[in-house]
């Protein structure tokens, strides 16, 4: 048995946007007791993470780390970049997405996600302006 859907996630700029509850609702309604959920984002300038959802400082620190690791294209350290057509955040967003996953796999048991106690599913937005991102959920059991 297979169940699929596409979620739209509205972002307001860089950062981590948790959507675990929406995924849990999908899994609960799919009627599949055991299987594997694939979560896939249909964009090249954002990514997905399973990360701690208890302390919001974790999200702040992750975002700050990636900003330091890959600064905006107008930073002198990024002078080597060629792709600049869509603004100073575009190519750095592609680099961040290349370093982080665009798909995740989560086991489903007894009709529930087998995430750990402090784990949540996040869209990691890498662009500065708001976006409407599409995330595909595919549950096979």
Protein backbone atom coordinates (compact mmCIF):
# COMPACT_ATOMS: atom_id res chain seq x y z
CA UNK A 1 0.00 0.00 0.00
CA UNK A 2 1.23 3.52 -0.84
CA UNK A 3 0.02 6.94 0.24
CA UNK A 4 1.32 10.27 -1.06
CA UNK A 5 0.70 13.98 -0.61
CA UNK A 6 2.38 17.33 -1.18
CA UNK A 7 2.66 19.86 1.66
CA UNK A 8 3.10 23.58 1.05
CA UNK A 9 5.33 25.31 3.58
CA UNK A 10 5.44 29.10 3.67
CA UNK A 11 8.76 30.57 4.79
CA UNK A 12 9.58 34.12 5.84
CA UNK A 13 13.34 33.97 5.26
CA UNK A 14 16.28 31.90 6.49
CA UNK A 15 15.78 29.44 9.31
CA UNK A 16 14.25 26.14 10.33
CA UNK A 17 10.50 25.61 9.98
CA UNK A 18 9.14 22.62 11.85
CA UNK A 19 6.34 20.67 10.18
CA UNK A 20 6.39 17.44 12.21
CA UNK A 21 2.72 17.70 13.23
CA UNK A 22 1.61 17.90 9.59
CA UNK A 23 3.65 14.79 8.76
CA UNK A 24 2.22 12.95 11.78
CA UNK A 25 -1.32 13.84 10.63
CA UNK A 26 -0.58 12.47 7.16
CA UNK A 27 0.84 9.22 8.54
CA UNK A 28 -2.08 8.77 10.97
CA UNK A 29 -4.59 9.23 8.16
CA UNK A 30 -2.81 6.95 5.69
CA UNK A 31 -3.94 3.75 7.38
CA UNK A 32 -0.52 2.13 6.99
CA UNK A 33 0.66 0.44 10.19
CA UNK A 34 4.26 -0.30 9.18
CA UNK A 35 6.36 1.16 6.43
CA UNK A 36 8.88 3.77 5.40
CA UNK A 37 8.10 7.45 4.94
CA UNK A 38 10.16 9.40 2.43
CA UNK A 39 10.11 13.18 2.81
CA UNK A 40 11.41 15.08 -0.25
CA UNK A 41 11.70 18.83 -0.89
CA UNK A 42 11.20 19.95 -4.51
CA UNK A 43 13.66 22.89 -4.47
CA UNK A 44 17.41 23.52 -4.83
CA UNK A 45 17.83 26.37 -2.33
CA UNK A 46 16.40 24.78 0.82
CA UNK A 47 16.76 21.41 2.50
CA UNK A 48 15.35 19.10 5.17
CA UNK A 49 16.60 18.18 8.63
CA UNK A 50 15.63 15.96 11.52
CA UNK A 51 16.72 17.98 14.49
CA UNK A 52 16.01 18.71 18.15
CA UNK A 53 12.62 20.32 18.69
CA UNK A 54 12.79 21.00 22.44
CA UNK A 55 15.20 23.94 22.70
CA UNK A 56 14.73 26.72 20.10
CA UNK A 57 18.37 27.77 20.66
CA UNK A 58 19.40 24.72 18.60
CA UNK A 59 17.66 26.18 15.55
CA UNK A 60 19.22 29.61 16.15
CA UNK A 61 22.70 28.09 16.47
CA UNK A 62 22.31 25.91 13.36
CA UNK A 63 21.22 28.89 11.29
CA UNK A 64 24.12 31.01 12.64
CA UNK A 65 26.62 28.21 11.92
CA UNK A 66 25.51 27.85 8.29
CA UNK A 67 25.58 31.65 7.80
CA UNK A 68 29.21 31.63 8.98
CA UNK A 69 30.08 28.52 6.96
CA UNK A 70 28.57 29.91 3.74
CA UNK A 71 28.24 33.71 3.84
CA UNK A 72 26.29 35.78 1.29
CA UNK A 73 27.83 36.22 -2.16
CA UNK A 74 28.59 39.89 -1.47
CA UNK A 75 30.97 38.85 1.36
CA UNK A 76 34.62 39.22 0.18
CA UNK A 77 35.26 35.56 1.10
CA UNK A 78 32.79 34.56 -1.63
CA UNK A 79 34.40 36.51 -4.51
CA UNK A 80 35.01 33.25 -6.39
CA UNK A 81 31.27 32.68 -7.02
CA UNK A 82 30.10 33.02 -10.62
CA UNK A 83 26.34 32.42 -10.27
CA UNK A 84 24.94 35.72 -8.97
CA UNK A 85 21.88 36.28 -11.19
CA UNK A 86 19.31 35.89 -8.40
CA UNK A 87 20.94 37.94 -5.65
CA UNK A 88 23.65 37.52 -3.01
CA UNK A 89 21.76 34.77 -1.14
CA UNK A 90 21.06 32.49 -4.11
CA UNK A 91 24.33 30.65 -4.73
CA UNK A 92 25.05 30.40 -0.99
CA UNK A 93 21.58 28.82 -0.65
CA UNK A 94 22.50 26.24 -3.29
CA UNK A 95 25.75 25.50 -1.43
CA UNK A 96 23.92 25.02 1.88
CA UNK A 97 21.40 22.73 0.17
CA UNK A 98 24.31 20.71 -1.26
CA UNK A 99 25.62 20.20 2.30
CA UNK A 100 22.31 19.16 3.83
CA UNK A 101 19.73 16.55 2.76
CA UNK A 102 16.84 17.20 0.39
CA UNK A 103 15.19 13.90 1.36
CA UNK A 104 14.70 12.00 4.60
CA UNK A 105 13.56 8.49 5.47
CA UNK A 106 11.58 7.84 8.65
CA UNK A 107 10.35 4.39 9.72
CA UNK A 108 6.66 4.05 10.55
CA UNK A 109 5.59 1.49 13.18
CA UNK A 110 2.10 0.99 14.60
CA UNK A 111 0.91 3.86 12.39
CA UNK A 112 3.35 6.36 13.97
CA UNK A 113 6.61 8.02 13.02
CA UNK A 114 9.54 6.43 14.85
CA UNK A 115 11.18 9.75 15.67
CA UNK A 116 13.05 10.08 18.96
CA UNK A 117 11.69 12.05 21.91
CA UNK A 118 13.38 15.32 20.94
CA UNK A 119 13.34 14.96 17.15
CA UNK A 120 11.32 17.05 14.75
CA UNK A 121 11.18 17.37 10.96
CA UNK A 122 12.22 20.75 9.58
CA UNK A 123 12.40 22.58 6.31
CA UNK A 124 15.70 24.51 6.35
CA UNK A 125 15.15 27.68 4.33
CA UNK A 126 18.36 29.14 2.89
CA UNK A 127 16.96 32.14 0.95
CA UNK A 128 16.46 35.63 2.39
CA UNK A 129 13.02 36.36 0.98
CA UNK A 130 9.77 34.48 1.68
CA UNK A 131 9.04 31.34 -0.35
CA UNK A 132 6.32 28.75 -0.78
CA UNK A 133 8.10 25.40 -0.62
CA UNK A 134 6.66 22.04 -1.64
CA UNK A 135 7.47 18.91 0.33
CA UNK A 136 6.42 15.51 -1.00
CA UNK A 137 5.46 12.78 1.50
CA UNK A 138 5.55 9.18 0.21
CA UNK A 139 4.57 6.41 2.62
CA UNK A 140 5.02 2.82 1.48
CA UNK A 141 3.99 -0.07 3.63
